[in-house]
Amino acid sequence: MDTQHKNMQILFEQLGMDGDDASIEAFIADHYPLSKDIKLSEASFWTPSQAAFLKEEIVEDAEWAPVVDELNARLHENASPR
């Protein structure tokens, strides 16, 4: 059983990216705003495996879904970036 607490840093590492705060903030700044017409998993900046992981987590309301939702909100228009 996976007892690891899911957070943004670990999500980025799960996606094969740097998970430190500066890298996350830079990623969000580089890709914000994502048009509200584009689903997070369909954004052009993901690799196919990253996109599949994000989509699966949301569709299945899996353990990563709350963190993926947070990333989605931070990237989309009309969401205030931190």
Foldseek 3Di string as FASTA:
>chain_A
DDPDDDAQLVLCVVLVHHSDPVRLLVVLVVQPADEPVAFPLRDPVGDVVNSVVLVVCCVVVDPNNVRSVVSRLLHHPPRPHD
